[in-house]
Amino acid sequence: MRDDPLGRAIDLAVQAARGGGGPFGAVIDMHGRLFEATNRVTASHDPTAHAEVMAIRAAAAGLGTHDLSGGVLYTSTYPCPMCFTAAMWARLDRVVYAAMPEDAAAAGFDDRVFWDAVRGVAPLRLERDARPAGVAPFNAWVSNTERVEY
């Protein structure tokens, strides 16, 4: 597996699909240390439990850090916008994927509406409530001298 983390991500996706889970798998390689996951959305009733996010969570917990710089995310399918930005927030160096979005769409996993949303055609209405207390969390963050920087 260490020589083919993308192959392992695909195998995990096949196993998950056969076992009643979502057909997605992911492996993060952090300098030879591997963290793997499958899609757990329906099993955990958590819409954010995509394979890529679960692998990021496993790597971060396993390494005791939120900064996964130097790591590579291998995923069975082109990541959705949430997983793509999660990989960015994790500071992963790159994402390697196998199946195309069209392959996922043909199986009933069409994330085009979400990609359109992040490109500015948002189906979800964003509304700002400009109350002064909205900046309070950031003020508390800045004044906390013991904070861990992102």
N, C-alpha and C. Protein backbone atom coordinates (compact mmCIF):
# COMPACT_ATOMS: atom_id res chain seq x y z
N MET A 1 0.82 -1.19 0.00
CA MET A 1 0.00 0.00 0.00
C MET A 1 0.86 1.25 0.00
N ARG A 2 1.94 1.24 0.71
CA ARG A 2 2.78 2.43 0.82
C ARG A 2 3.24 2.91 -0.55
N ASP A 3 3.37 1.98 -1.51
CA ASP A 3 3.82 2.35 -2.85
C ASP A 3 2.68 2.85 -3.73
N ASP A 4 1.44 2.63 -3.34
CA ASP A 4 0.31 3.02 -4.17
C ASP A 4 -0.86 3.53 -3.32
N PRO A 5 -0.70 4.69 -2.70
CA PRO A 5 -1.79 5.21 -1.86
C PRO A 5 -3.06 5.52 -2.65
N LEU A 6 -2.94 5.88 -3.93
CA LEU A 6 -4.15 6.12 -4.72
C LEU A 6 -4.89 4.80 -4.95
N GLY A 7 -4.15 3.75 -5.22
CA GLY A 7 -4.77 2.43 -5.36
C GLY A 7 -5.48 2.02 -4.08
N ARG A 8 -4.88 2.33 -2.94
CA ARG A 8 -5.51 2.02 -1.65
C ARG A 8 -6.78 2.84 -1.46
N ALA A 9 -6.76 4.11 -1.86
CA ALA A 9 -7.96 4.96 -1.75
C ALA A 9 -9.10 4.37 -2.59
N ILE A 10 -8.76 3.89 -3.79
CA ILE A 10 -9.77 3.27 -4.65
C ILE A 10 -10.29 1.99 -4.01
N ASP A 11 -9.39 1.16 -3.48
CA ASP A 11 -9.82 -0.08 -2.80
C ASP A 11 -10.74 0.23 -1.62
N LEU A 12 -10.39 1.25 -0.84
CA LEU A 12 -11.24 1.64 0.29
C LEU A 12 -12.63 2.06 -0.19
N ALA A 13 -12.67 2.79 -1.30
CA ALA A 13 -13.95 3.24 -1.86
C ALA A 13 -14.80 2.06 -2.30
N VAL A 14 -14.17 1.08 -2.93
CA VAL A 14 -14.89 -0.12 -3.37
C VAL A 14 -15.44 -0.87 -2.16
N GLN A 15 -14.60 -1.05 -1.14
CA GLN A 15 -15.04 -1.74 0.09
C GLN A 15 -16.20 -0.99 0.74
N ALA A 16 -16.10 0.32 0.82
CA ALA A 16 -17.17 1.12 1.44
C ALA A 16 -18.47 0.98 0.66
N ALA A 17 -18.38 1.04 -0.67
CA ALA A 17 -19.58 0.93 -1.51
C ALA A 17 -20.22 -0.44 -1.36
N ARG A 18 -19.41 -1.48 -1.26
CA ARG A 18 -19.94 -2.84 -1.11
C ARG A 18 -20.52 -3.06 0.28
N GLY A 19 -20.04 -2.29 1.25
CA GLY A 19 -20.49 -2.46 2.63
C GLY A 19 -21.60 -1.50 3.04
N GLY A 20 -22.17 -0.80 2.09
CA GLY A 20 -23.28 0.09 2.41
C GLY A 20 -22.88 1.54 2.64
N GLY A 21 -21.61 1.84 2.50
CA GLY A 21 -21.16 3.22 2.65
C GLY A 21 -21.10 3.93 1.32
N GLY A 22 -20.66 5.17 1.35
CA GLY A 22 -20.48 5.93 0.12
C GLY A 22 -19.27 5.45 -0.63
N PRO A 23 -19.28 5.53 -1.96
CA PRO A 23 -18.19 5.00 -2.79
C PRO A 23 -17.00 5.93 -2.91
N PHE A 24 -16.46 6.33 -1.78
CA PHE A 24 -15.34 7.26 -1.77
C PHE A 24 -14.31 6.82 -0.73
N GLY A 25 -13.04 6.91 -1.11
CA GLY A 25 -11.94 6.59 -0.20
C GLY A 25 -10.84 7.61 -0.32
N ALA A 26 -10.07 7.78 0.75
CA ALA A 26 -8.98 8.75 0.74
C ALA A 26 -7.84 8.27 1.63
N VAL A 27 -6.64 8.62 1.23
CA VAL A 27 -5.43 8.30 1.99
C VAL A 27 -4.56 9.55 2.01
N ILE A 28 -4.07 9.90 3.17
CA ILE A 28 -3.10 10.99 3.28
C ILE A 28 -1.74 10.38 3.61
N ASP A 29 -0.76 10.76 2.81
CA ASP A 29 0.62 10.34 3.04
C ASP A 29 1.37 11.53 3.63
N MET A 30 1.74 11.39 4.90
CA MET A 30 2.52 12.41 5.60
C MET A 30 3.93 11.87 5.80
N HIS A 31 4.77 12.10 4.81
CA HIS A 31 6.17 11.68 4.90
C HIS A 31 6.28 10.19 5.21
N GLY A 32 5.48 9.38 4.52
CA GLY A 32 5.53 7.94 4.69
C GLY A 32 4.57 7.37 5.72
N ARG A 33 3.97 8.23 6.50
CA ARG A 33 2.96 7.78 7.46
C ARG A 33 1.59 7.97 6.82
N LEU A 34 0.81 6.89 6.75
CA LEU A 34 -0.45 6.90 6.02
C LEU A 34 -1.65 6.95 6.94
N PHE A 35 -2.64 7.73 6.52
CA PHE A 35 -3.91 7.87 7.24
C PHE A 35 -5.01 7.68 6.20
N GLU A 36 -5.90 6.73 6.46
CA GLU A 36 -6.91 6.42 5.47
C GLU A 36 -8.31 6.54 6.03
N ALA A 37 -9.26 6.74 5.12
CA ALA A 37 -10.65 6.91 5.55
C ALA A 37 -11.59 6.64 4.37
N THR A 38 -12.83 6.41 4.71
CA THR A 38 -13.89 6.28 3.72
C THR A 38 -14.99 7.27 4.05
N ASN A 39 -15.90 7.41 3.13
CA ASN A 39 -17.05 8.28 3.33
C ASN A 39 -17.94 7.70 4.42
N ARG A 40 -18.29 8.52 5.42
CA ARG A 40 -19.09 8.08 6.56
C ARG A 40 -20.36 8.91 6.73
N VAL A 41 -20.80 9.58 5.66
CA VAL A 41 -21.94 10.49 5.74
C VAL A 41 -23.17 9.80 6.28
N THR A 42 -23.59 8.71 5.65
CA THR A 42 -24.82 8.05 6.09
C THR A 42 -24.62 7.26 7.37
N ALA A 43 -23.45 6.70 7.57
CA ALA A 43 -23.18 5.90 8.77
C ALA A 43 -23.17 6.78 10.03
N SER A 44 -22.67 8.00 9.89
CA SER A 44 -22.54 8.87 11.07
C SER A 44 -23.58 9.99 11.11
N HIS A 45 -24.43 10.03 10.09
CA HIS A 45 -25.43 11.11 9.98
C HIS A 45 -24.75 12.48 10.03
N ASP A 46 -23.61 12.56 9.36
CA ASP A 46 -22.81 13.78 9.34
C ASP A 46 -22.53 14.14 7.89
N PRO A 47 -23.16 15.19 7.37
CA PRO A 47 -22.97 15.54 5.96
C PRO A 47 -21.55 16.00 5.63
N THR A 48 -20.72 16.25 6.63
CA THR A 48 -19.34 16.65 6.37
C THR A 48 -18.37 15.47 6.43
N ALA A 49 -18.86 14.27 6.65
CA ALA A 49 -18.00 13.11 6.84
C ALA A 49 -17.59 12.48 5.51
N HIS A 50 -17.15 13.31 4.58
CA HIS A 50 -16.62 12.81 3.31
C HIS A 50 -15.28 12.14 3.56
N ALA A 51 -14.89 11.24 2.68
CA ALA A 51 -13.65 10.49 2.86
C ALA A 51 -12.45 11.41 3.04
N GLU A 52 -12.36 12.45 2.24
CA GLU A 52 -11.22 13.36 2.32
C GLU A 52 -11.17 14.07 3.67
N VAL A 53 -12.31 14.54 4.13
CA VAL A 53 -12.38 15.22 5.43
C VAL A 53 -12.05 14.25 6.55
N MET A 54 -12.55 13.02 6.45
CA MET A 54 -12.26 12.02 7.48
C MET A 54 -10.77 11.68 7.51
N ALA A 55 -10.13 11.63 6.34
CA ALA A 55 -8.69 11.36 6.29
C ALA A 55 -7.91 12.53 6.89
N ILE A 56 -8.35 13.75 6.61
CA ILE A 56 -7.71 14.93 7.20
C ILE A 56 -7.84 14.88 8.72
N ARG A 57 -9.03 14.54 9.20
CA ARG A 57 -9.24 14.44 10.65
C ARG A 57 -8.33 13.37 11.26
N ALA A 58 -8.23 12.24 10.59
CA ALA A 58 -7.38 11.14 11.10
C ALA A 58 -5.92 11.56 11.14
N ALA A 59 -5.46 12.21 10.08
CA ALA A 59 -4.05 12.63 10.04
C ALA A 59 -3.77 13.69 11.10
N ALA A 60 -4.65 14.66 11.22
CA ALA A 60 -4.45 15.72 12.21
C ALA A 60 -4.44 15.16 13.62
N ALA A 61 -5.38 14.26 13.92
CA ALA A 61 -5.42 13.66 15.26
C ALA A 61 -4.20 12.76 15.48
N GLY A 62 -3.85 11.98 14.47
CA GLY A 62 -2.72 11.07 14.60
C GLY A 62 -1.38 11.77 14.77
N LEU A 63 -1.27 12.94 14.16
CA LEU A 63 -0.02 13.70 14.24
C LEU A 63 -0.04 14.78 15.31
N GLY A 64 -1.23 15.05 15.85
CA GLY A 64 -1.35 16.07 16.88
C GLY A 64 -1.13 17.48 16.37
N THR A 65 -1.57 17.74 15.13
CA THR A 65 -1.40 19.07 14.55
C THR A 65 -2.49 19.34 13.52
N HIS A 66 -2.81 20.61 13.36
CA HIS A 66 -3.76 21.00 12.33
C HIS A 66 -3.06 21.35 11.02
N ASP A 67 -1.74 21.41 11.04
CA ASP A 67 -0.94 21.79 9.87
C ASP A 67 -0.37 20.55 9.21
N LEU A 68 -0.93 20.19 8.09
CA LEU A 68 -0.50 18.98 7.37
C LEU A 68 0.40 19.32 6.18
N SER A 69 1.14 20.41 6.29
CA SER A 69 2.08 20.79 5.25
C SER A 69 3.02 19.63 4.96
N GLY A 70 3.28 19.42 3.68
CA GLY A 70 4.15 18.34 3.27
C GLY A 70 3.40 17.06 2.94
N GLY A 71 2.12 17.03 3.26
CA GLY A 71 1.32 15.83 3.01
C GLY A 71 0.65 15.85 1.66
N VAL A 72 0.28 14.66 1.21
CA VAL A 72 -0.42 14.50 -0.06
C VAL A 72 -1.72 13.74 0.21
N LEU A 73 -2.81 14.27 -0.31
CA LEU A 73 -4.11 13.62 -0.21
C LEU A 73 -4.37 12.86 -1.49
N TYR A 74 -4.58 11.54 -1.37
CA TYR A 74 -4.95 10.68 -2.49
C TYR A 74 -6.42 10.34 -2.31
N THR A 75 -7.22 10.62 -3.33
CA THR A 75 -8.64 10.40 -3.20
C THR A 75 -9.19 9.70 -4.44
N SER A 76 -10.17 8.85 -4.22
CA SER A 76 -10.70 8.03 -5.30
C SER A 76 -11.41 8.86 -6.37
N THR A 77 -11.87 10.04 -6.02
CA THR A 77 -12.63 10.88 -6.94
C THR A 77 -12.24 12.33 -6.76
N TYR A 78 -12.35 13.09 -7.81
CA TYR A 78 -12.12 14.53 -7.76
C TYR A 78 -12.90 15.11 -6.57
N PRO A 79 -12.24 15.88 -5.71
CA PRO A 79 -12.91 16.33 -4.49
C PRO A 79 -14.00 17.38 -4.74
N CYS A 80 -15.01 17.34 -3.89
CA CYS A 80 -16.05 18.36 -3.91
C CYS A 80 -15.45 19.67 -3.36
N PRO A 81 -16.17 20.78 -3.47
CA PRO A 81 -15.63 22.05 -2.97
C PRO A 81 -15.29 22.02 -1.48
N MET A 82 -16.10 21.33 -0.67
CA MET A 82 -15.82 21.26 0.77
C MET A 82 -14.49 20.54 1.01
N CYS A 83 -14.30 19.42 0.34
CA CYS A 83 -13.08 18.64 0.54
C CYS A 83 -11.87 19.36 -0.03
N PHE A 84 -12.06 20.01 -1.16
CA PHE A 84 -10.98 20.78 -1.77
C PHE A 84 -10.50 21.89 -0.83
N THR A 85 -11.45 22.63 -0.27
CA THR A 85 -11.05 23.72 0.63
C THR A 85 -10.56 23.18 1.96
N ALA A 86 -11.06 22.03 2.41
CA ALA A 86 -10.53 21.42 3.63
C ALA A 86 -9.07 21.05 3.43
N ALA A 87 -8.73 20.55 2.25
CA ALA A 87 -7.34 20.22 1.94
C ALA A 87 -6.48 21.48 1.95
N MET A 88 -7.04 22.58 1.45
CA MET A 88 -6.31 23.85 1.48
C MET A 88 -6.09 24.30 2.93
N TRP A 89 -7.15 24.25 3.76
CA TRP A 89 -7.04 24.66 5.16
C TRP A 89 -6.04 23.79 5.90
N ALA A 90 -5.97 22.51 5.53
CA ALA A 90 -5.01 21.60 6.18
C ALA A 90 -3.59 21.85 5.70
N ARG A 91 -3.44 22.66 4.68
CA ARG A 91 -2.13 23.02 4.12
C ARG A 91 -1.45 21.83 3.43
N LEU A 92 -2.27 20.89 2.93
CA LEU A 92 -1.70 19.77 2.18
C LEU A 92 -1.01 20.29 0.93
N ASP A 93 0.04 19.63 0.51
CA ASP A 93 0.81 20.09 -0.64
C ASP A 93 0.09 19.87 -1.96
N ARG A 94 -0.63 18.75 -2.06
CA ARG A 94 -1.35 18.47 -3.31
C ARG A 94 -2.40 17.41 -3.09
N VAL A 95 -3.28 17.30 -4.08
CA VAL A 95 -4.34 16.30 -4.09
C VAL A 95 -4.19 15.50 -5.38
N VAL A 96 -4.19 14.19 -5.25
CA VAL A 96 -4.13 13.28 -6.40
C VAL A 96 -5.43 12.50 -6.41
N TYR A 97 -6.13 12.52 -7.54
CA TYR A 97 -7.44 11.85 -7.61
C TYR A 97 -7.50 10.93 -8.80
N ALA A 98 -8.49 10.00 -8.77
CA ALA A 98 -8.65 9.04 -9.86
C ALA A 98 -9.86 9.38 -10.73
N ALA A 99 -11.07 9.20 -10.25
CA ALA A 99 -12.27 9.40 -11.06
C ALA A 99 -12.59 10.89 -11.24
N MET A 100 -13.22 11.18 -12.35
CA MET A 100 -13.61 12.55 -12.69
C MET A 100 -15.00 12.87 -12.11
N PRO A 101 -15.33 14.15 -11.98
CA PRO A 101 -16.67 14.52 -11.48
C PRO A 101 -17.79 13.92 -12.32
N GLU A 102 -17.56 13.78 -13.62
CA GLU A 102 -18.58 13.19 -14.49
C GLU A 102 -18.85 11.73 -14.13
N ASP A 103 -17.82 11.03 -13.68
CA ASP A 103 -17.99 9.64 -13.25
C ASP A 103 -18.87 9.58 -12.01
N ALA A 104 -18.61 10.49 -11.07
CA ALA A 104 -19.42 10.55 -9.85
C ALA A 104 -20.86 10.94 -10.18
N ALA A 105 -21.03 11.91 -11.07
CA ALA A 105 -22.37 12.37 -11.45
C ALA A 105 -23.17 11.23 -12.08
N ALA A 106 -22.52 10.43 -12.91
CA ALA A 106 -23.20 9.31 -13.56
C ALA A 106 -23.71 8.29 -12.55
N ALA A 107 -23.08 8.25 -11.37
CA ALA A 107 -23.50 7.32 -10.31
C ALA A 107 -24.45 8.00 -9.30
N GLY A 108 -24.84 9.24 -9.58
CA GLY A 108 -25.78 9.93 -8.70
C GLY A 108 -25.13 10.89 -7.72
N PHE A 109 -23.86 11.16 -7.87
CA PHE A 109 -23.14 12.08 -6.98
C PHE A 109 -22.69 13.31 -7.77
N ASP A 110 -23.65 14.12 -8.15
CA ASP A 110 -23.36 15.30 -8.96
C ASP A 110 -23.18 16.51 -8.05
N ASP A 111 -21.96 17.00 -7.95
CA ASP A 111 -21.69 18.15 -7.08
C ASP A 111 -21.56 19.46 -7.86
N ARG A 112 -22.02 19.46 -9.08
CA ARG A 112 -21.92 20.66 -9.92
C ARG A 112 -22.59 21.87 -9.27
N VAL A 113 -23.73 21.67 -8.61
CA VAL A 113 -24.43 22.80 -7.98
C VAL A 113 -23.56 23.43 -6.89
N PHE A 114 -22.76 22.62 -6.21
CA PHE A 114 -21.88 23.15 -5.17
C PHE A 114 -20.70 23.90 -5.77
N TRP A 115 -20.16 23.36 -6.87
CA TRP A 115 -19.08 24.09 -7.56
C TRP A 115 -19.61 25.40 -8.12
N ASP A 116 -20.84 25.39 -8.65
CA ASP A 116 -21.44 26.63 -9.15
C ASP A 116 -21.58 27.64 -8.02
N ALA A 117 -21.93 27.16 -6.85
CA ALA A 117 -22.12 28.05 -5.70
C ALA A 117 -20.82 28.76 -5.34
N VAL A 118 -19.73 28.04 -5.34
CA VAL A 118 -18.47 28.68 -4.98
C VAL A 118 -17.92 29.53 -6.12
N ARG A 119 -18.49 29.38 -7.27
CA ARG A 119 -18.11 30.23 -8.41
C ARG A 119 -19.04 31.44 -8.51
N GLY A 120 -19.97 31.60 -7.58
CA GLY A 120 -20.80 32.79 -7.56
C GLY A 120 -22.24 32.60 -7.96
N VAL A 121 -22.66 31.39 -8.27
CA VAL A 121 -24.06 31.14 -8.60
C VAL A 121 -24.65 30.38 -7.42
N ALA A 122 -24.74 31.05 -6.29
CA ALA A 122 -25.07 30.38 -5.03
C ALA A 122 -26.55 30.04 -4.91
N PRO A 123 -26.89 28.75 -4.74
CA PRO A 123 -28.29 28.39 -4.49
C PRO A 123 -28.68 28.68 -3.04
N LEU A 124 -27.70 28.88 -2.20
CA LEU A 124 -27.95 29.19 -0.80
C LEU A 124 -27.80 30.69 -0.63
N ARG A 125 -28.79 31.31 -0.06
CA ARG A 125 -28.76 32.76 0.12
C ARG A 125 -27.88 33.11 1.31
N LEU A 126 -26.96 34.01 1.10
CA LEU A 126 -26.11 34.51 2.18
C LEU A 126 -26.64 35.87 2.60
N GLU A 127 -26.79 36.04 3.88
CA GLU A 127 -27.35 37.28 4.41
C GLU A 127 -26.52 37.72 5.60
N ARG A 128 -26.07 38.95 5.58
CA ARG A 128 -25.25 39.46 6.68
C ARG A 128 -26.11 40.21 7.67
N ASP A 129 -25.88 39.93 8.93
CA ASP A 129 -26.46 40.69 10.05
C ASP A 129 -25.28 41.43 10.65
N ALA A 130 -25.17 42.71 10.36
CA ALA A 130 -23.98 43.49 10.70
C ALA A 130 -23.98 44.00 12.13
N ARG A 131 -24.25 43.15 13.08
CA ARG A 131 -24.24 43.59 14.47
C ARG A 131 -22.81 43.73 14.97
N PRO A 132 -22.56 44.71 15.82
CA PRO A 132 -21.20 44.95 16.33
C PRO A 132 -20.59 43.75 17.04
N ALA A 133 -21.41 42.95 17.71
CA ALA A 133 -20.89 41.80 18.45
C ALA A 133 -20.30 40.73 17.51
N GLY A 134 -20.53 40.86 16.23
CA GLY A 134 -20.01 39.87 15.29
C GLY A 134 -18.50 39.78 15.27
N VAL A 135 -17.83 40.86 15.64
CA VAL A 135 -16.36 40.84 15.66
C VAL A 135 -15.81 40.42 17.01
N ALA A 136 -16.66 40.22 18.00
CA ALA A 136 -16.21 39.85 19.35
C ALA A 136 -15.33 38.60 19.38
N PRO A 137 -15.67 37.56 18.62
CA PRO A 137 -14.80 36.38 18.64
C PRO A 137 -13.38 36.69 18.15
N PHE A 138 -13.27 37.54 17.15
CA PHE A 138 -11.95 37.89 16.63
C PHE A 138 -11.18 38.76 17.60
N ASN A 139 -11.88 39.65 18.29
CA ASN A 139 -11.23 40.46 19.32
C ASN A 139 -10.70 39.57 20.45
N ALA A 140 -11.49 38.58 20.84
CA ALA A 140 -11.05 37.65 21.88
C ALA A 140 -9.84 36.85 21.41
N TRP A 141 -9.84 36.46 20.14
CA TRP A 141 -8.73 35.70 19.57
C TRP A 141 -7.45 36.52 19.60
N VAL A 142 -7.53 37.74 19.13
CA VAL A 142 -6.36 38.60 19.04
C VAL A 142 -5.79 38.89 20.42
N SER A 143 -6.66 39.04 21.41
CA SER A 143 -6.19 39.38 22.75
C SER A 143 -5.69 38.16 23.53
N ASN A 144 -5.92 36.96 23.03
CA ASN A 144 -5.47 35.74 23.71
C ASN A 144 -4.00 35.49 23.38
N THR A 145 -3.12 35.76 24.31
CA THR A 145 -1.68 35.61 24.07
C THR A 145 -1.23 34.14 24.05
N GLU A 146 -2.12 33.22 24.41
CA GLU A 146 -1.77 31.80 24.42
C GLU A 146 -2.38 31.04 23.24
N ARG A 147 -2.89 31.77 22.25
CA ARG A 147 -3.54 31.12 21.11
C ARG A 147 -2.51 30.37 20.27
N VAL A 148 -3.02 29.36 19.56
CA VAL A 148 -2.22 28.61 18.61
C VAL A 148 -2.58 29.15 17.23
N GLU A 149 -1.60 29.71 16.55
CA GLU A 149 -1.85 30.31 15.24
C GLU A 149 -2.22 29.28 14.19
N TYR A 150 -3.03 29.72 13.23
CA TYR A 150 -3.38 28.89 12.09
C TYR A 150 -2.29 28.96 11.06
